[in-house]
Amino acid sequence: MHDIRAIRDTPDAFDAALARRGLPPAAADLLAIDETRRAAITEAETARAEQKAASKAVGAARASGDEAEFERLRALVAEKKAAIAQLEEDARTHDARLHAALMEIPNLPLADVPDGADEADNVELHRHGTPPAFDFPALEHFEIAGVARGMDFDTAAKLSGSRFVVLSGAVARVQRALAQFMMDVHTRDNALTEVWTPVLVRDAAMTGTGQLPKFGEDSYQTTNGWWLIPTAEVTLTNIAAGEILDPDTLPRRYVAHTQCFRSEAGSAGKDTRGMLRQHQFEKVEMVSLTRPEDSAAEHARMTRCAEGILERLGLAYRTVVLCTGDMGFGAQRTHDIEVWLPGQGTYREISSVSVCGDFQARRMSARYRAADGKPAFLHTLNGSGLAVGRCLIAVLENGQTAEGGVDLPAALHPYLGGATRITPDGALT
């Protein structure tokens, strides 16, 4: 959420930043609501002062025996009391209007974010590794013989509908190994604190990270009002909600492996084959809470944490910075890491690492004690480290063999009891 005081100070800059996101100006409308709200507050304060003065004079009038003045002042006190109540109600109404309007406006891009309309305007930062060169036509993950035996979309459709999958045998084992491998690397080598969180949250948690109120259709809500998390960013970031953190504990670096749930609203017809885009999936999520002056360096660090997982798995990838038109609602700057998928012959996103500045912290009142001793808003960052299902796809497609098996990355062998491959008949050996 944005600070209305900053908008008051630099309305033109605020509108210019929105224009970079392809949005119309909003400062004038916001400031009009704010001016009305502030006027109501000022009038209420004036009326309260007048009421206080009249209340004091009531006693003096009664003591002097001036009945007419006493009745006039008593009526004035009642009048001011009613006026104050109405003005305070007006102020609350305008405050709610302003809050609602600010909650609908996305974060502003940092100055170094490239301008653009969509993913075609994203800018590549670097590449790592060389995509494998097969002497046979590369297949998509669900077409590989040894994989198809353990990847059942028909049974999943019978159980739950489209965009679900049932994994079994070797494929399920490799997915579990990937998640354990990621968590071990992040906790052991990247110094992230492992956290286990609920996957059901209240409205306030979803609002704090920006999923509500604007994007409710993208998530699932239970009949008693809980939301299924679309990412552990929601729970990990909200650990600081309503808190004032000790600066000596910053940065706080969290990682969690959870199930995630997304309705995929608006994605009809996209990635309908295979398990690239699912309603239920697993993700290892990283979240950092930092001082403002440390967030840029933390963003680079988190990006390297995610890239390092792919490097240990021997997977080719590229890292891009998203343009203004492709960034998520809460981000100031986002790095997308895209892994090479031979079956599609292209790079596909496997991690988005974003710095959000104080945008989320304002929504959830997450603060720390600054150097001057006063509470100040934290900066929050989040990123996949990695999406487990998409990483499984990449491992399977990049390791496929002409016979229909899969050679598995050496980094996973210890997590698979020493097994090194999936055979064409679906066995782990």
Protein backbone atom coordinates (compact mmCIF):
# COMPACT_ATOMS: atom_id res chain seq x y z
CA MET A 1 0.00 0.00 0.00
CA HIS A 2 1.17 3.52 -0.71
CA ASP A 3 1.84 6.34 1.74
CA ILE A 4 -0.63 9.15 1.07
CA ARG A 5 1.89 11.64 2.45
CA ALA A 6 4.37 10.69 -0.26
CA ILE A 7 1.64 11.12 -2.88
CA ARG A 8 0.87 14.57 -1.48
CA ASP A 9 4.54 15.54 -1.71
CA THR A 10 5.17 14.23 -5.26
CA PRO A 11 1.87 13.62 -7.09
CA ASP A 12 3.41 14.03 -10.55
CA ALA A 13 6.11 11.46 -9.81
CA PHE A 14 3.46 9.05 -8.50
CA ASP A 15 1.41 9.36 -11.68
CA ALA A 16 4.53 9.03 -13.84
CA ALA A 17 5.39 5.76 -12.10
CA LEU A 18 1.85 4.46 -12.64
CA ALA A 19 2.12 5.41 -16.32
CA ARG A 20 5.19 3.19 -16.57
CA ARG A 21 2.91 0.31 -15.55
CA GLY A 22 0.43 1.33 -18.22
CA LEU A 23 -2.04 2.75 -15.69
CA PRO A 24 -3.93 6.06 -15.73
CA PRO A 25 -3.08 8.85 -13.27
CA ALA A 26 -4.56 8.44 -9.81
CA ALA A 27 -2.97 11.13 -7.64
CA ALA A 28 -5.68 13.77 -8.18
CA ASP A 29 -8.52 11.43 -7.18
CA LEU A 30 -6.63 10.14 -4.16
CA LEU A 31 -5.73 13.62 -3.01
CA ALA A 32 -9.34 14.80 -3.41
CA ILE A 33 -10.53 12.04 -1.08
CA ASP A 34 -7.67 12.80 1.28
CA GLU A 35 -8.49 16.53 1.31
CA THR A 36 -12.14 15.83 2.12
CA ARG A 37 -11.10 13.40 4.86
CA ARG A 38 -8.66 15.87 6.40
CA ALA A 39 -11.21 18.69 6.22
CA ALA A 40 -13.72 16.56 8.16
CA ILE A 41 -11.07 15.80 10.78
CA THR A 42 -10.17 19.47 11.11
CA GLU A 43 -13.82 20.50 11.43
CA ALA A 44 -14.39 17.83 14.06
CA GLU A 45 -11.39 19.08 16.04
CA THR A 46 -12.69 22.68 15.82
CA ALA A 47 -16.16 21.62 16.92
CA ARG A 48 -14.69 19.64 19.81
CA ALA A 49 -12.76 22.70 20.99
CA GLU A 50 -15.95 24.80 20.77
CA GLN A 51 -17.87 22.13 22.67
CA LYS A 52 -15.22 22.06 25.38
CA ALA A 53 -15.33 25.86 25.75
CA ALA A 54 -19.13 25.88 25.84
CA SER A 55 -19.15 23.10 28.45
CA LYS A 56 -16.95 25.17 30.72
CA ALA A 57 -19.18 28.23 30.24
CA VAL A 58 -22.34 26.25 31.12
CA GLY A 59 -21.28 26.01 34.75
CA ALA A 60 -20.44 29.68 34.97
CA ALA A 61 -23.83 30.67 33.49
CA ARG A 62 -25.68 28.47 35.96
CA ALA A 63 -23.66 29.89 38.86
CA SER A 64 -24.47 33.46 37.80
CA GLY A 65 -28.15 32.68 37.52
CA ASP A 66 -28.29 33.63 33.84
CA GLU A 67 -30.87 31.02 32.84
CA ALA A 68 -31.12 32.18 29.22
CA GLU A 69 -27.35 31.94 28.72
CA PHE A 70 -27.33 28.60 30.49
CA GLU A 71 -29.95 27.17 28.12
CA ARG A 72 -28.19 28.64 25.05
CA LEU A 73 -24.86 27.13 26.03
CA ARG A 74 -26.41 23.77 26.89
CA ALA A 75 -28.07 23.68 23.46
CA LEU A 76 -24.76 24.65 21.88
CA VAL A 77 -22.97 21.77 23.64
CA ALA A 78 -25.60 19.32 22.35
CA GLU A 79 -25.37 20.80 18.86
CA LYS A 80 -21.59 20.50 18.82
CA LYS A 81 -21.77 16.94 20.14
CA ALA A 82 -24.05 15.95 17.24
CA ALA A 83 -21.85 17.81 14.75
CA ILE A 84 -18.72 16.08 16.06
CA ALA A 85 -20.36 12.67 15.73
CA GLN A 86 -21.36 13.38 12.15
CA LEU A 87 -17.97 14.84 11.20
CA GLU A 88 -16.15 11.86 12.74
CA GLU A 89 -18.41 9.51 10.83
CA ASP A 90 -17.68 11.46 7.63
CA ALA A 91 -13.95 11.26 8.33
CA ARG A 92 -14.20 7.49 8.86
CA THR A 93 -16.14 7.10 5.62
CA HIS A 94 -13.60 9.09 3.62
CA ASP A 95 -10.74 7.29 5.36
CA ALA A 96 -12.24 3.94 4.34
CA ARG A 97 -12.66 5.23 0.75
CA LEU A 98 -9.02 6.32 0.66
CA HIS A 99 -7.78 3.07 2.17
CA ALA A 100 -9.81 1.01 -0.32
CA ALA A 101 -8.51 3.08 -3.25
CA LEU A 102 -4.89 2.77 -2.12
CA MET A 103 -5.27 -1.01 -1.69
CA GLU A 104 -6.18 -1.37 -5.37
CA ILE A 105 -3.07 0.40 -6.71
CA PRO A 106 0.00 -1.73 -7.48
CA ASN A 107 3.51 -1.06 -6.27
CA LEU A 108 5.64 1.43 -8.18
CA PRO A 109 8.57 0.13 -10.25
CA LEU A 110 12.10 1.07 -9.29
CA ALA A 111 13.87 3.48 -11.62
CA ASP A 112 16.11 0.77 -13.13
CA VAL A 113 13.22 -1.52 -14.11
CA PRO A 114 12.92 -1.60 -17.92
CA ASP A 115 9.79 -0.10 -19.44
CA GLY A 116 7.60 -2.42 -21.46
CA ALA A 117 4.13 -3.79 -22.07
CA ASP A 118 4.50 -7.54 -21.53
CA GLU A 119 6.93 -10.45 -21.32
CA ALA A 120 8.28 -9.68 -24.79
CA ASP A 121 9.90 -6.58 -23.27
CA ASN A 122 11.66 -8.36 -20.41
CA VAL A 123 15.43 -7.96 -20.42
CA GLU A 124 17.81 -10.89 -20.12
CA LEU A 125 20.50 -10.45 -17.46
CA HIS A 126 22.53 -13.61 -18.06
CA ARG A 127 22.46 -17.29 -18.98
CA HIS A 128 24.05 -20.28 -17.33
CA GLY A 129 24.77 -23.70 -18.81
CA THR A 130 24.19 -25.18 -22.23
CA PRO A 131 20.92 -26.87 -23.18
CA PRO A 132 21.45 -30.57 -23.89
CA ALA A 133 21.83 -31.64 -27.52
CA PHE A 134 19.95 -34.91 -28.07
CA ASP A 135 20.41 -37.18 -31.10
CA PHE A 136 16.68 -37.94 -30.93
CA PRO A 137 13.53 -35.80 -30.84
CA ALA A 138 13.12 -34.37 -27.34
CA LEU A 139 9.86 -35.29 -25.64
CA GLU A 140 7.79 -33.39 -23.12
CA HIS A 141 7.84 -34.84 -19.61
CA PHE A 142 4.52 -36.68 -19.84
CA GLU A 143 5.55 -38.33 -23.14
CA ILE A 144 8.68 -40.02 -21.75
CA ALA A 145 7.95 -43.73 -21.39
CA GLY A 146 9.47 -44.20 -17.94
CA VAL A 147 7.74 -41.07 -16.66
CA ALA A 148 4.30 -41.70 -18.13
CA ARG A 149 3.94 -44.78 -15.92
CA GLY A 150 4.11 -42.61 -12.80
CA MET A 151 2.21 -39.53 -13.99
CA ASP A 152 -1.54 -40.16 -14.13
CA PHE A 153 -3.75 -37.32 -15.31
CA ASP A 154 -6.83 -39.47 -15.98
CA THR A 155 -7.11 -40.66 -12.39
CA ALA A 156 -6.50 -37.12 -11.15
CA ALA A 157 -9.32 -35.88 -13.40
CA LYS A 158 -11.61 -38.54 -11.96
CA LEU A 159 -10.71 -37.43 -8.44
CA SER A 160 -10.54 -33.66 -8.86
CA GLY A 161 -10.97 -32.47 -12.45
CA SER A 162 -8.54 -30.86 -14.85
CA ARG A 163 -5.14 -29.41 -13.90
CA PHE A 164 -4.38 -32.07 -11.31
CA VAL A 165 -2.04 -35.05 -11.41
CA VAL A 166 -1.42 -38.23 -9.45
CA LEU A 167 2.28 -39.07 -9.15
CA SER A 168 3.45 -42.51 -8.14
CA GLY A 169 6.51 -44.70 -7.94
CA ALA A 170 9.80 -43.29 -9.21
CA VAL A 171 8.34 -39.96 -10.30
CA ALA A 172 6.80 -39.29 -6.89
CA ARG A 173 10.07 -40.29 -5.24
CA VAL A 174 12.07 -37.88 -7.40
CA GLN A 175 9.68 -35.02 -6.61
CA ARG A 176 10.07 -35.67 -2.89
CA ALA A 177 13.84 -35.83 -3.29
CA LEU A 178 13.87 -32.49 -5.09
CA ALA A 179 12.00 -30.76 -2.27
CA GLN A 180 14.28 -32.26 0.38
CA PHE A 181 17.36 -31.32 -1.64
CA MET A 182 16.19 -27.70 -2.00
CA MET A 183 15.39 -27.36 1.68
CA ASP A 184 18.76 -28.81 2.69
CA VAL A 185 20.67 -26.44 0.42
CA HIS A 186 18.75 -23.40 1.58
CA THR A 187 19.05 -24.18 5.28
CA ARG A 188 22.57 -25.63 5.30
CA ASP A 189 24.36 -23.51 2.69
CA ASN A 190 22.20 -20.39 2.26
CA ALA A 191 21.51 -19.83 5.97
CA LEU A 192 17.73 -19.63 5.62
CA THR A 193 15.58 -20.55 8.60
CA GLU A 194 13.24 -23.48 7.91
CA VAL A 195 9.62 -22.77 8.78
CA TRP A 196 6.53 -24.97 8.63
CA THR A 197 3.36 -22.94 8.18
CA PRO A 198 -0.39 -23.46 7.79
CA VAL A 199 -1.83 -23.52 4.27
CA LEU A 200 -5.13 -22.01 5.46
CA VAL A 201 -5.11 -18.30 6.31
CA ARG A 202 -7.47 -15.46 7.18
CA ASP A 203 -8.41 -12.51 4.99
CA ALA A 204 -5.87 -10.27 6.73
CA ALA A 205 -2.93 -12.45 5.71
CA MET A 206 -3.97 -12.47 2.04
CA THR A 207 -4.57 -8.71 2.17
CA GLY A 208 -1.16 -8.12 3.71
CA THR A 209 0.73 -9.63 0.80
CA GLY A 210 -1.58 -8.24 -1.88
CA GLN A 211 -3.71 -11.21 -2.94
CA LEU A 212 -6.77 -9.39 -1.58
CA PRO A 213 -8.88 -7.48 -2.28
CA LYS A 214 -8.07 -7.35 -5.98
CA PHE A 215 -7.12 -10.94 -6.82
CA GLY A 216 -9.49 -13.09 -4.79
CA GLU A 217 -10.58 -14.98 -7.90
CA ASP A 218 -7.04 -16.33 -8.29
CA SER A 219 -7.27 -18.27 -5.02
CA TYR A 220 -9.56 -20.75 -3.30
CA GLN A 221 -11.67 -19.91 -0.24
CA THR A 222 -13.25 -22.44 2.10
CA THR A 223 -16.87 -22.25 3.17
CA ASN A 224 -15.87 -20.96 6.61
CA GLY A 225 -13.78 -18.12 5.20
CA TRP A 226 -10.22 -19.41 5.23
CA TRP A 227 -8.10 -19.07 2.10
CA LEU A 228 -5.83 -21.77 0.70
CA ILE A 229 -2.45 -20.14 0.21
CA PRO A 230 -1.26 -19.59 -3.38
CA THR A 231 2.31 -19.45 -2.03
CA ALA A 232 4.04 -19.58 1.35
CA GLU A 233 4.97 -15.93 0.73
CA VAL A 234 1.61 -15.23 2.41
CA THR A 235 2.38 -17.00 5.66
CA LEU A 236 6.12 -16.31 5.87
CA THR A 237 5.79 -12.56 5.26
CA ASN A 238 2.86 -12.23 7.66
CA ILE A 239 4.98 -13.60 10.50
CA ALA A 240 5.95 -9.94 10.96
CA ALA A 241 2.40 -8.56 10.66
CA GLY A 242 1.61 -6.12 13.44
CA GLU A 243 5.09 -6.51 14.93
CA ILE A 244 7.96 -4.11 15.64
CA LEU A 245 11.10 -6.19 15.14
CA ASP A 246 14.43 -5.77 16.86
CA PRO A 247 16.84 -4.42 14.21
CA ASP A 248 19.53 -6.79 15.49
CA THR A 249 17.41 -9.70 14.23
CA LEU A 250 17.41 -8.40 10.64
CA PRO A 251 17.58 -9.62 8.00
CA ARG A 252 15.23 -12.47 8.76
CA ARG A 253 15.49 -15.13 6.08
CA TYR A 254 12.82 -17.81 5.95
CA VAL A 255 12.20 -20.85 3.75
CA ALA A 256 9.22 -23.20 3.69
CA HIS A 257 8.13 -26.19 1.62
CA THR A 258 4.35 -26.21 1.22
CA GLN A 259 1.48 -27.25 -0.92
CA CYS A 260 0.14 -24.27 -2.88
CA PHE A 261 -3.25 -23.71 -4.50
CA ARG A 262 -4.23 -21.45 -7.39
CA SER A 263 -7.43 -21.27 -9.38
CA GLU A 264 -5.47 -20.24 -12.50
CA ALA A 265 -8.22 -17.76 -13.32
CA GLY A 266 -7.63 -16.30 -16.76
CA SER A 267 -5.33 -19.12 -17.88
CA ALA A 268 -7.85 -21.10 -19.90
CA GLY A 269 -6.11 -22.80 -22.78
CA LYS A 270 -2.59 -22.18 -21.41
CA ASP A 271 -0.33 -25.15 -20.66
CA THR A 272 -3.19 -27.61 -20.57
CA ARG A 273 -0.95 -30.59 -21.31
CA GLY A 274 1.25 -32.06 -18.61
CA MET A 275 1.81 -30.67 -15.12
CA LEU A 276 3.31 -27.27 -15.91
CA ARG A 277 0.26 -25.32 -14.69
CA GLN A 278 -1.68 -27.02 -11.89
CA HIS A 279 -4.29 -26.03 -9.33
CA GLN A 280 -2.33 -27.80 -6.58
CA PHE A 281 1.46 -27.89 -6.54
CA GLU A 282 4.49 -27.84 -4.28
CA LYS A 283 6.86 -24.97 -3.86
CA VAL A 284 9.88 -24.12 -1.76
CA GLU A 285 9.44 -20.42 -0.95
CA MET A 286 11.99 -17.92 0.35
CA VAL A 287 11.06 -14.71 2.20
CA SER A 288 13.38 -12.04 3.59
CA LEU A 289 12.57 -9.16 5.93
CA THR A 290 15.18 -6.41 5.84
CA ARG A 291 16.05 -2.82 6.59
CA PRO A 292 15.31 -0.57 3.59
CA GLU A 293 18.98 0.06 2.91
CA ASP A 294 19.67 -3.67 2.67
CA SER A 295 16.86 -4.79 0.37
CA ALA A 296 18.67 -4.32 -2.98
CA ALA A 297 21.58 -6.49 -1.87
CA GLU A 298 19.15 -9.03 -0.42
CA HIS A 299 17.33 -9.22 -3.75
CA ALA A 300 20.59 -10.13 -5.50
CA ARG A 301 21.36 -12.68 -2.77
CA MET A 302 17.98 -14.37 -3.03
CA THR A 303 18.27 -14.55 -6.81
CA ARG A 304 21.60 -16.35 -6.42
CA CYS A 305 20.06 -18.76 -3.90
CA ALA A 306 17.46 -19.79 -6.49
CA GLU A 307 19.94 -19.92 -9.37
CA GLY A 308 22.25 -22.08 -7.27
CA ILE A 309 19.68 -24.85 -7.03
CA LEU A 310 19.53 -25.12 -10.83
CA GLU A 311 23.30 -25.05 -11.09
CA ARG A 312 23.67 -27.94 -8.63
CA LEU A 313 21.14 -29.88 -10.67
CA GLY A 314 23.08 -29.19 -13.88
CA LEU A 315 20.15 -27.41 -15.54
CA ALA A 316 20.58 -24.62 -18.07
CA TYR A 317 18.72 -21.44 -17.23
CA ARG A 318 18.49 -17.74 -17.95
CA THR A 319 17.64 -14.87 -15.62
CA VAL A 320 15.59 -11.91 -16.81
CA VAL A 321 14.41 -8.70 -15.18
CA LEU A 322 10.70 -8.17 -15.76
CA CYS A 323 9.59 -5.01 -17.49
CA THR A 324 7.07 -2.64 -15.90
CA GLY A 325 4.15 -4.22 -17.75
CA ASP A 326 4.93 -7.78 -16.66
CA MET A 327 5.64 -7.29 -12.95
CA GLY A 328 3.35 -8.60 -10.26
CA PHE A 329 1.07 -6.37 -8.21
CA GLY A 330 3.30 -6.08 -5.14
CA ALA A 331 6.74 -5.94 -6.76
CA GLN A 332 9.14 -3.05 -7.25
CA ARG A 333 11.55 -5.20 -9.25
CA THR A 334 11.37 -8.88 -10.21
CA HIS A 335 13.93 -11.34 -11.50
CA ASP A 336 12.45 -14.33 -13.30
CA ILE A 337 14.63 -17.42 -13.56
CA GLU A 338 13.70 -19.56 -16.54
CA VAL A 339 14.87 -23.14 -16.91
CA TRP A 340 15.43 -24.84 -20.26
CA LEU A 341 12.74 -27.39 -21.15
CA PRO A 342 13.85 -29.53 -24.10
CA GLY A 343 10.34 -30.84 -24.75
CA GLN A 344 9.14 -27.32 -25.49
CA GLY A 345 12.46 -26.14 -26.87
CA THR A 346 12.37 -22.97 -24.76
CA TYR A 347 13.04 -21.47 -21.36
CA ARG A 348 10.12 -21.45 -18.90
CA GLU A 349 9.79 -19.59 -15.61
CA ILE A 350 10.67 -21.63 -12.53
CA SER A 351 11.22 -18.85 -10.02
CA SER A 352 10.24 -15.20 -9.55
CA VAL A 353 12.29 -13.28 -7.01
CA SER A 354 10.83 -9.91 -6.08
CA VAL A 355 11.69 -6.98 -3.87
CA CYS A 356 8.54 -5.24 -2.62
CA GLY A 357 10.00 -2.33 -0.64
CA ASP A 358 7.63 -1.27 2.16
CA PHE A 359 4.52 -1.95 0.05
CA GLN A 360 3.50 -5.16 1.85
CA ALA A 361 4.82 -3.98 5.21
CA ARG A 362 2.43 -1.00 5.14
CA ARG A 363 -0.50 -3.30 4.38
CA MET A 364 0.28 -5.54 7.36
CA SER A 365 1.97 -2.98 9.66
CA ALA A 366 5.29 -4.85 9.77
CA ARG A 367 7.93 -2.61 11.29
CA TYR A 368 11.33 -2.54 12.97
CA ARG A 369 12.97 -0.16 15.41
CA ALA A 370 15.03 2.26 13.29
CA ALA A 371 18.30 3.92 14.35
CA ASP A 372 16.42 6.93 15.73
CA GLY A 373 14.42 4.63 17.97
CA LYS A 374 11.18 5.14 16.08
CA PRO A 375 9.23 2.35 14.34
CA ALA A 376 9.79 2.22 10.56
CA PHE A 377 8.39 -0.06 7.90
CA LEU A 378 10.40 -3.11 6.87
CA HIS A 379 11.22 -4.07 3.32
CA THR A 380 9.94 -7.48 2.24
CA LEU A 381 11.23 -9.82 -0.46
CA ASN A 382 10.01 -13.18 -1.74
CA GLY A 383 11.02 -15.77 -4.29
CA SER A 384 10.62 -19.40 -5.29
CA GLY A 385 13.53 -21.55 -4.41
CA LEU A 386 12.15 -23.40 -6.46
CA ALA A 387 8.76 -24.47 -7.81
CA VAL A 388 9.12 -28.20 -7.14
CA GLY A 389 6.81 -29.49 -9.88
CA ARG A 390 8.42 -27.37 -12.58
CA CYS A 391 11.83 -28.43 -11.36
CA LEU A 392 10.68 -32.05 -11.65
CA ILE A 393 9.63 -31.37 -15.25
CA ALA A 394 13.04 -29.87 -16.01
CA VAL A 395 14.94 -32.78 -14.44
CA LEU A 396 12.87 -35.33 -16.35
CA GLU A 397 13.07 -33.59 -19.73
CA ASN A 398 16.75 -32.69 -19.54
CA GLY A 399 17.72 -36.16 -18.39
CA GLN A 400 15.64 -38.13 -20.90
CA THR A 401 17.25 -40.88 -22.95
CA ALA A 402 16.48 -42.25 -26.39
CA GLU A 403 15.16 -45.45 -24.80
CA GLY A 404 12.57 -43.63 -22.71
CA GLY A 405 14.39 -43.49 -19.40
CA VAL A 406 15.76 -40.56 -17.42
CA ASP A 407 19.29 -39.99 -16.12
CA LEU A 408 18.96 -38.15 -12.82
CA PRO A 409 21.25 -35.35 -11.55
CA ALA A 410 24.08 -36.43 -9.26
CA ALA A 411 22.88 -34.00 -6.58
CA LEU A 412 19.75 -36.14 -6.12
CA HIS A 413 21.44 -39.52 -5.88
CA PRO A 414 21.93 -39.39 -2.08
CA TYR A 415 18.22 -38.56 -1.69
CA LEU A 416 17.24 -41.56 -3.80
CA GLY A 417 19.16 -44.22 -1.92
CA GLY A 418 21.91 -44.13 -4.52
CA ALA A 419 19.59 -44.59 -7.51
CA THR A 420 20.75 -42.71 -10.60
CA ARG A 421 18.04 -43.17 -13.20
CA ILE A 422 14.45 -43.97 -14.05
CA THR A 423 14.26 -46.91 -16.43
CA PRO A 424 12.00 -46.98 -19.52
CA ASP A 425 9.59 -49.21 -17.59
CA GLY A 426 9.36 -46.67 -14.73
CA ALA A 427 11.64 -48.26 -12.16
CA LEU A 428 14.13 -46.30 -10.03
CA THR A 429 17.59 -47.90 -10.25
